[in-house]
Amino acid sequence: MMLDDDAFDDTIVLTRAQWHDLVGSVKTLADTNAKLLEVISALLDQAATGTRERTGKVESEEIDPYDLGTLRRMVEGGD
């Protein structure tokens, strides 16, 4: 994907209220993202614990909380 350098030459002017709204939105997005990662990590940990209990196997490596493939398999009902 090529970005047009001319698209970045325009100056955008925000009022103080618009700036505060923008900063608040970015903070809310960052907080929500952090909470989502915590939930995903907890779900993956639960799945790993459940797998170990069912199979008696100890996982040789930690589950990566950013591995969305594992999360997709969990949601679809498989391990």
PDB file of N, CA and C in Angstrom:
ATOM      1  N   MET A   1       0.844  -1.176   0.000  1.00  0.00           N
ATOM      2  CA  MET A   1       0.000   0.000   0.000  1.00  0.00           C
ATOM      3  C   MET A   1       0.886   1.234   0.000  1.00  0.00           C
ATOM      4  N   MET A   2       0.720   2.061  -0.960  1.00  0.00           N
ATOM      5  CA  MET A   2       1.497   3.289  -1.059  1.00  0.00           C
ATOM      6  C   MET A   2       0.719   4.422  -0.406  1.00  0.00           C
ATOM      7  N   LEU A   3       1.427   5.196   0.391  1.00  0.00           N
ATOM      8  CA  LEU A   3       0.810   6.365   0.999  1.00  0.00           C
ATOM      9  C   LEU A   3       1.179   7.589   0.188  1.00  0.00           C
ATOM     10  N   ASP A   4       0.223   8.438  -0.029  1.00  0.00           N
ATOM     11  CA  ASP A   4       0.463   9.666  -0.763  1.00  0.00           C
ATOM     12  C   ASP A   4       1.053  10.689   0.196  1.00  0.00           C
ATOM     13  N   ASP A   5       2.296  11.103  -0.050  1.00  0.00           N
ATOM     14  CA  ASP A   5       2.956  12.059   0.839  1.00  0.00           C
ATOM     15  C   ASP A   5       2.224  13.388   0.892  1.00  0.00           C
ATOM     16  N   ASP A   6       1.530  13.751  -0.184  1.00  0.00           N
ATOM     17  CA  ASP A   6       0.799  15.013  -0.201  1.00  0.00           C
ATOM     18  C   ASP A   6      -0.355  15.014   0.798  1.00  0.00           C
ATOM     19  N   ALA A   7      -0.843  13.847   1.153  1.00  0.00           N
ATOM     20  CA  ALA A   7      -1.966  13.754   2.090  1.00  0.00           C
ATOM     21  C   ALA A   7      -1.561  14.222   3.485  1.00  0.00           C
ATOM     22  N   PHE A   8      -0.270  14.246   3.774  1.00  0.00           N
ATOM     23  CA  PHE A   8       0.190  14.622   5.109  1.00  0.00           C
ATOM     24  C   PHE A   8       0.640  16.075   5.194  1.00  0.00           C
ATOM     25  N   ASP A   9       0.486  16.832   4.098  1.00  0.00           N
ATOM     26  CA  ASP A   9       0.929  18.220   4.091  1.00  0.00           C
ATOM     27  C   ASP A   9      -0.102  19.170   4.672  1.00  0.00           C
ATOM     28  N   ASP A  10      -1.338  18.735   4.813  1.00  0.00           N
ATOM     29  CA  ASP A  10      -2.393  19.609   5.313  1.00  0.00           C
ATOM     30  C   ASP A  10      -2.306  19.746   6.822  1.00  0.00           C
ATOM     31  N   THR A  11      -2.499  20.958   7.302  1.00  0.00           N
ATOM     32  CA  THR A  11      -2.531  21.220   8.732  1.00  0.00           C
ATOM     33  C   THR A  11      -3.965  21.090   9.212  1.00  0.00           C
ATOM     34  N   ILE A  12      -4.130  20.397  10.325  1.00  0.00           N
ATOM     35  CA  ILE A  12      -5.451  20.223  10.906  1.00  0.00           C
ATOM     36  C   ILE A  12      -5.499  21.059  12.177  1.00  0.00           C
ATOM     37  N   VAL A  13      -6.528  21.848  12.311  1.00  0.00           N
ATOM     38  CA  VAL A  13      -6.674  22.716  13.465  1.00  0.00           C
ATOM     39  C   VAL A  13      -7.841  22.205  14.305  1.00  0.00           C
ATOM     40  N   LEU A  14      -7.585  22.004  15.590  1.00  0.00           N
ATOM     41  CA  LEU A  14      -8.613  21.553  16.510  1.00  0.00           C
ATOM     42  C   LEU A  14      -8.820  22.596  17.601  1.00  0.00           C
ATOM     43  N   THR A  15     -10.048  22.712  18.037  1.00  0.00           N
ATOM     44  CA  THR A  15     -10.285  23.564  19.204  1.00  0.00           C
ATOM     45  C   THR A  15      -9.788  22.813  20.436  1.00  0.00           C
ATOM     46  N   ARG A  16      -9.662  23.505  21.541  1.00  0.00           N
ATOM     47  CA  ARG A  16      -9.225  22.860  22.786  1.00  0.00           C
ATOM     48  C   ARG A  16     -10.184  21.737  23.171  1.00  0.00           C
ATOM     49  N   ALA A  17     -11.471  21.951  23.002  1.00  0.00           N
ATOM     50  CA  ALA A  17     -12.462  20.922  23.340  1.00  0.00           C
ATOM     51  C   ALA A  17     -12.313  19.707  22.423  1.00  0.00           C
ATOM     52  N   GLN A  18     -12.098  19.943  21.136  1.00  0.00           N
ATOM     53  CA  GLN A  18     -11.901  18.828  20.209  1.00  0.00           C
ATOM     54  C   GLN A  18     -10.632  18.060  20.555  1.00  0.00           C
ATOM     55  N   TRP A  19      -9.569  18.790  20.938  1.00  0.00           N
ATOM     56  CA  TRP A  19      -8.310  18.136  21.317  1.00  0.00           C
ATOM     57  C   TRP A  19      -8.533  17.254  22.539  1.00  0.00           C
ATOM     58  N   HIS A  20      -9.229  17.772  23.540  1.00  0.00           N
ATOM     59  CA  HIS A  20      -9.496  16.985  24.755  1.00  0.00           C
ATOM     60  C   HIS A  20     -10.349  15.760  24.438  1.00  0.00           C
ATOM     61  N   ASP A  21     -11.332  15.926  23.540  1.00  0.00           N
ATOM     62  CA  ASP A  21     -12.146  14.781  23.123  1.00  0.00           C
ATOM     63  C   ASP A  21     -11.284  13.729  22.421  1.00  0.00           C
ATOM     64  N   LEU A  22     -10.389  14.183  21.554  1.00  0.00           N
ATOM     65  CA  LEU A  22      -9.509  13.255  20.837  1.00  0.00           C
ATOM     66  C   LEU A  22      -8.592  12.511  21.797  1.00  0.00           C
ATOM     67  N   VAL A  23      -7.972  13.242  22.713  1.00  0.00           N
ATOM     68  CA  VAL A  23      -7.078  12.615  23.692  1.00  0.00           C
ATOM     69  C   VAL A  23      -7.861  11.646  24.574  1.00  0.00           C
ATOM     70  N   GLY A  24      -9.064  12.029  24.990  1.00  0.00           N
ATOM     71  CA  GLY A  24      -9.895  11.139  25.797  1.00  0.00           C
ATOM     72  C   GLY A  24     -10.261   9.869  25.044  1.00  0.00           C
ATOM     73  N   SER A  25     -10.561  10.005  23.765  1.00  0.00           N
ATOM     74  CA  SER A  25     -10.897   8.831  22.948  1.00  0.00           C
ATOM     75  C   SER A  25      -9.710   7.897  22.808  1.00  0.00           C
ATOM     76  N   VAL A  26      -8.528   8.458  22.602  1.00  0.00           N
ATOM     77  CA  VAL A  26      -7.329   7.630  22.476  1.00  0.00           C
ATOM     78  C   VAL A  26      -7.051   6.905  23.789  1.00  0.00           C
ATOM     79  N   LYS A  27      -7.197   7.595  24.917  1.00  0.00           N
ATOM     80  CA  LYS A  27      -6.993   6.951  26.223  1.00  0.00           C
ATOM     81  C   LYS A  27      -8.007   5.835  26.441  1.00  0.00           C
ATOM     82  N   THR A  28      -9.257   6.097  26.092  1.00  0.00           N
ATOM     83  CA  THR A  28     -10.295   5.072  26.238  1.00  0.00           C
ATOM     84  C   THR A  28      -9.974   3.859  25.372  1.00  0.00           C
ATOM     85  N   LEU A  29      -9.535   4.093  24.150  1.00  0.00           N
ATOM     86  CA  LEU A  29      -9.172   3.004  23.254  1.00  0.00           C
ATOM     87  C   LEU A  29      -8.007   2.205  23.815  1.00  0.00           C
ATOM     88  N   ALA A  30      -6.996   2.884  24.337  1.00  0.00           N
ATOM     89  CA  ALA A  30      -5.838   2.191  24.909  1.00  0.00           C
ATOM     90  C   ALA A  30      -6.246   1.376  26.135  1.00  0.00           C
ATOM     91  N   ASP A  31      -7.086   1.937  26.989  1.00  0.00           N
ATOM     92  CA  ASP A  31      -7.558   1.204  28.176  1.00  0.00           C
ATOM     93  C   ASP A  31      -8.381  -0.016  27.777  1.00  0.00           C
ATOM     94  N   THR A  32      -9.249   0.149  26.799  1.00  0.00           N
ATOM     95  CA  THR A  32     -10.077  -0.956  26.330  1.00  0.00           C
ATOM     96  C   THR A  32      -9.216  -2.053  25.722  1.00  0.00           C
ATOM     97  N   ASN A  33      -8.211  -1.659  24.961  1.00  0.00           N
ATOM     98  CA  ASN A  33      -7.299  -2.628  24.363  1.00  0.00           C
ATOM     99  C   ASN A  33      -6.563  -3.417  25.448  1.00  0.00           C
ATOM    100  N   ALA A  34      -6.103  -2.739  26.492  1.00  0.00           N
ATOM    101  CA  ALA A  34      -5.404  -3.412  27.591  1.00  0.00           C
ATOM    102  C   ALA A  34      -6.329  -4.410  28.289  1.00  0.00           C
ATOM    103  N   LYS A  35      -7.583  -4.019  28.513  1.00  0.00           N
ATOM    104  CA  LYS A  35      -8.546  -4.928  29.145  1.00  0.00           C
ATOM    105  C   LYS A  35      -8.836  -6.132  28.245  1.00  0.00           C
ATOM    106  N   LEU A  36      -8.937  -5.891  26.946  1.00  0.00           N
ATOM    107  CA  LEU A  36      -9.170  -6.987  26.006  1.00  0.00           C
ATOM    108  C   LEU A  36      -8.014  -7.979  26.044  1.00  0.00           C
ATOM    109  N   LEU A  37      -6.785  -7.493  26.088  1.00  0.00           N
ATOM    110  CA  LEU A  37      -5.632  -8.382  26.176  1.00  0.00           C
ATOM    111  C   LEU A  37      -5.640  -9.179  27.476  1.00  0.00           C
ATOM    112  N   GLU A  38      -6.076  -8.562  28.572  1.00  0.00           N
ATOM    113  CA  GLU A  38      -6.184  -9.290  29.845  1.00  0.00           C
ATOM    114  C   GLU A  38      -7.203 -10.419  29.732  1.00  0.00           C
ATOM    115  N   VAL A  39      -8.336 -10.136  29.095  1.00  0.00           N
ATOM    116  CA  VAL A  39      -9.381 -11.156  28.941  1.00  0.00           C
ATOM    117  C   VAL A  39      -8.880 -12.289  28.057  1.00  0.00           C
ATOM    118  N   ILE A  40      -8.243 -11.952  26.942  1.00  0.00           N
ATOM    119  CA  ILE A  40      -7.711 -12.974  26.046  1.00  0.00           C
ATOM    120  C   ILE A  40      -6.678 -13.826  26.771  1.00  0.00           C
ATOM    121  N   SER A  41      -5.797 -13.184  27.517  1.00  0.00           N
ATOM    122  CA  SER A  41      -4.775 -13.909  28.267  1.00  0.00           C
ATOM    123  C   SER A  41      -5.415 -14.851  29.280  1.00  0.00           C
ATOM    124  N   ALA A  42      -6.439 -14.375  29.979  1.00  0.00           N
ATOM    125  CA  ALA A  42      -7.118 -15.217  30.968  1.00  0.00           C
ATOM    126  C   ALA A  42      -7.809 -16.398  30.296  1.00  0.00           C
ATOM    127  N   LEU A  43      -8.438 -16.153  29.142  1.00  0.00           N
ATOM    128  CA  LEU A  43      -9.094 -17.249  28.420  1.00  0.00           C
ATOM    129  C   LEU A  43      -8.085 -18.288  27.942  1.00  0.00           C
ATOM    130  N   LEU A  44      -6.955 -17.825  27.422  1.00  0.00           N
ATOM    131  CA  LEU A  44      -5.924 -18.759  26.981  1.00  0.00           C
ATOM    132  C   LEU A  44      -5.361 -19.537  28.153  1.00  0.00           C
ATOM    133  N   ASP A  45      -5.195 -18.886  29.295  1.00  0.00           N
ATOM    134  CA  ASP A  45      -4.699 -19.566  30.490  1.00  0.00           C
ATOM    135  C   ASP A  45      -5.704 -20.615  30.961  1.00  0.00           C
ATOM    136  N   GLN A  46      -6.984 -20.260  30.933  1.00  0.00           N
ATOM    137  CA  GLN A  46      -8.039 -21.222  31.287  1.00  0.00           C
ATOM    138  C   GLN A  46      -8.018 -22.414  30.357  1.00  0.00           C
ATOM    139  N   ALA A  47      -7.877 -22.166  29.075  1.00  0.00           N
ATOM    140  CA  ALA A  47      -7.842 -23.253  28.101  1.00  0.00           C
ATOM    141  C   ALA A  47      -6.642 -24.153  28.341  1.00  0.00           C
ATOM    142  N   ALA A  48      -5.490 -23.560  28.633  1.00  0.00           N
ATOM    143  CA  ALA A  48      -4.287 -24.359  28.883  1.00  0.00           C
ATOM    144  C   ALA A  48      -4.457 -25.186  30.145  1.00  0.00           C
ATOM    145  N   THR A  49      -5.047 -24.607  31.183  1.00  0.00           N
ATOM    146  CA  THR A  49      -5.273 -25.327  32.430  1.00  0.00           C
ATOM    147  C   THR A  49      -6.256 -26.473  32.194  1.00  0.00           C
ATOM    148  N   GLY A  50      -7.325 -26.198  31.446  1.00  0.00           N
ATOM    149  CA  GLY A  50      -8.302 -27.243  31.148  1.00  0.00           C
ATOM    150  C   GLY A  50      -7.702 -28.367  30.324  1.00  0.00           C
ATOM    151  N   THR A  51      -6.848 -28.035  29.388  1.00  0.00           N
ATOM    152  CA  THR A  51      -6.191 -29.054  28.564  1.00  0.00           C
ATOM    153  C   THR A  51      -5.276 -29.918  29.421  1.00  0.00           C
ATOM    154  N   ARG A  52      -4.511 -29.293  30.306  1.00  0.00           N
ATOM    155  CA  ARG A  52      -3.613 -30.049  31.184  1.00  0.00           C
ATOM    156  C   ARG A  52      -4.402 -30.969  32.094  1.00  0.00           C
ATOM    157  N   GLU A  53      -5.558 -30.505  32.603  1.00  0.00           N
ATOM    158  CA  GLU A  53      -6.370 -31.328  33.493  1.00  0.00           C
ATOM    159  C   GLU A  53      -6.973 -32.516  32.744  1.00  0.00           C
ATOM    160  N   ARG A  54      -7.405 -32.307  31.500  1.00  0.00           N
ATOM    161  CA  ARG A  54      -8.026 -33.386  30.730  1.00  0.00           C
ATOM    162  C   ARG A  54      -6.997 -34.402  30.246  1.00  0.00           C
ATOM    163  N   THR A  55      -5.829 -33.932  29.834  1.00  0.00           N
ATOM    164  CA  THR A  55      -4.853 -34.840  29.230  1.00  0.00           C
ATOM    165  C   THR A  55      -3.779 -35.282  30.203  1.00  0.00           C
ATOM    166  N   GLY A  56      -3.624 -34.565  31.306  1.00  0.00           N
ATOM    167  CA  GLY A  56      -2.552 -34.869  32.252  1.00  0.00           C
ATOM    168  C   GLY A  56      -1.194 -34.409  31.762  1.00  0.00           C
ATOM    169  N   LYS A  57      -1.160 -33.720  30.630  1.00  0.00           N
ATOM    170  CA  LYS A  57       0.101 -33.232  30.074  1.00  0.00           C
ATOM    171  C   LYS A  57       0.376 -31.822  30.571  1.00  0.00           C
ATOM    172  N   VAL A  58       1.631 -31.545  30.763  1.00  0.00           N
ATOM    173  CA  VAL A  58       2.048 -30.185  31.095  1.00  0.00           C
ATOM    174  C   VAL A  58       2.598 -29.575  29.824  1.00  0.00           C
ATOM    175  N   GLU A  59       2.101 -28.397  29.488  1.00  0.00           N
ATOM    176  CA  GLU A  59       2.566 -27.724  28.279  1.00  0.00           C
ATOM    177  C   GLU A  59       4.043 -27.397  28.423  1.00  0.00           C
ATOM    178  N   SER A  60       4.817 -27.673  27.391  1.00  0.00           N
ATOM    179  CA  SER A  60       6.248 -27.421  27.436  1.00  0.00           C
ATOM    180  C   SER A  60       6.576 -25.954  27.220  1.00  0.00           C
ATOM    181  N   GLU A  61       5.646 -25.216  26.638  1.00  0.00           N
ATOM    182  CA  GLU A  61       5.893 -23.799  26.415  1.00  0.00           C
ATOM    183  C   GLU A  61       4.669 -23.003  26.829  1.00  0.00           C
ATOM    184  N   GLU A  62       4.885 -21.768  27.186  1.00  0.00           N
ATOM    185  CA  GLU A  62       3.795 -20.904  27.599  1.00  0.00           C
ATOM    186  C   GLU A  62       2.936 -20.548  26.392  1.00  0.00           C
ATOM    187  N   ILE A  63       1.662 -20.305  26.632  1.00  0.00           N
ATOM    188  CA  ILE A  63       0.771 -19.871  25.573  1.00  0.00           C
ATOM    189  C   ILE A  63       0.976 -18.380  25.357  1.00  0.00           C
ATOM    190  N   ASP A  64       1.110 -17.996  24.117  1.00  0.00           N
ATOM    191  CA  ASP A  64       1.293 -16.598  23.754  1.00  0.00           C
ATOM    192  C   ASP A  64      -0.061 -15.890  23.795  1.00  0.00           C
ATOM    193  N   PRO A  65      -0.233 -14.873  24.656  1.00  0.00           N
ATOM    194  CA  PRO A  65      -1.526 -14.195  24.743  1.00  0.00           C
ATOM    195  C   PRO A  65      -1.888 -13.445  23.469  1.00  0.00           C
ATOM    196  N   TYR A  66      -0.937 -13.265  22.569  1.00  0.00           N
ATOM    197  CA  TYR A  66      -1.212 -12.579  21.308  1.00  0.00           C
ATOM    198  C   TYR A  66      -1.518 -13.556  20.175  1.00  0.00           C
ATOM    199  N   ASP A  67      -1.561 -14.851  20.479  1.00  0.00           N
ATOM    200  CA  ASP A  67      -1.824 -15.874  19.469  1.00  0.00           C
ATOM    201  C   ASP A  67      -3.325 -15.963  19.240  1.00  0.00           C
ATOM    202  N   LEU A  68      -3.806 -15.240  18.248  1.00  0.00           N
ATOM    203  CA  LEU A  68      -5.239 -15.214  17.989  1.00  0.00           C
ATOM    204  C   LEU A  68      -5.729 -16.501  17.354  1.00  0.00           C
ATOM    205  N   GLY A  69      -4.833 -17.302  16.784  1.00  0.00           N
ATOM    206  CA  GLY A  69      -5.221 -18.600  16.247  1.00  0.00           C
ATOM    207  C   GLY A  69      -5.715 -19.514  17.343  1.00  0.00           C
ATOM    208  N   THR A  70      -5.014 -19.519  18.466  1.00  0.00           N
ATOM    209  CA  THR A  70      -5.438 -20.327  19.614  1.00  0.00           C
ATOM    210  C   THR A  70      -6.781 -19.840  20.132  1.00  0.00           C
ATOM    211  N   LEU A  71      -6.940 -18.533  20.230  1.00  0.00           N
ATOM    212  CA  LEU A  71      -8.209 -17.978  20.691  1.00  0.00           C
ATOM    213  C   LEU A  71      -9.342 -18.367  19.741  1.00  0.00           C
ATOM    214  N   ARG A  72      -9.090 -18.307  18.444  1.00  0.00           N
ATOM    215  CA  ARG A  72     -10.124 -18.678  17.465  1.00  0.00           C
ATOM    216  C   ARG A  72     -10.511 -20.137  17.637  1.00  0.00           C
ATOM    217  N   ARG A  73      -9.521 -21.019  17.823  1.00  0.00           N
ATOM    218  CA  ARG A  73      -9.830 -22.441  18.014  1.00  0.00           C
ATOM    219  C   ARG A  73     -10.653 -22.652  19.286  1.00  0.00           C
ATOM    220  N   MET A  74     -10.349 -21.899  20.348  1.00  0.00           N
ATOM    221  CA  MET A  74     -11.113 -22.014  21.594  1.00  0.00           C
ATOM    222  C   MET A  74     -12.565 -21.602  21.363  1.00  0.00           C
ATOM    223  N   VAL A  75     -12.738 -20.482  20.689  1.00  0.00           N
ATOM    224  CA  VAL A  75     -14.095 -19.955  20.466  1.00  0.00           C
ATOM    225  C   VAL A  75     -14.880 -20.892  19.567  1.00  0.00           C
ATOM    226  N   GLU A  76     -14.210 -21.518  18.613  1.00  0.00           N
ATOM    227  CA  GLU A  76     -14.879 -22.458  17.711  1.00  0.00           C
ATOM    228  C   GLU A  76     -15.143 -23.810  18.354  1.00  0.00           C
ATOM    229  N   GLY A  77     -14.637 -24.021  19.573  1.00  0.00           N
ATOM    230  CA  GLY A  77     -14.958 -25.223  20.303  1.00  0.00           C
ATOM    231  C   GLY A  77     -13.892 -26.285  20.292  1.00  0.00           C
ATOM    232  N   GLY A  78     -12.756 -26.047  19.689  1.00  0.00           N
ATOM    233  CA  GLY A  78     -11.672 -27.022  19.676  1.00  0.00           C
ATOM    234  C   GLY A  78     -10.522 -26.530  20.522  1.00  0.00           C
ATOM    235  N   ASP A  79      -9.603 -27.424  20.876  1.00  0.00           N
ATOM    236  CA  ASP A  79      -8.450 -27.020  21.672  1.00  0.00           C
ATOM    237  C   ASP A  79      -7.246 -26.771  20.808  1.00  0.00           C
TER     238      ASP A  79
END
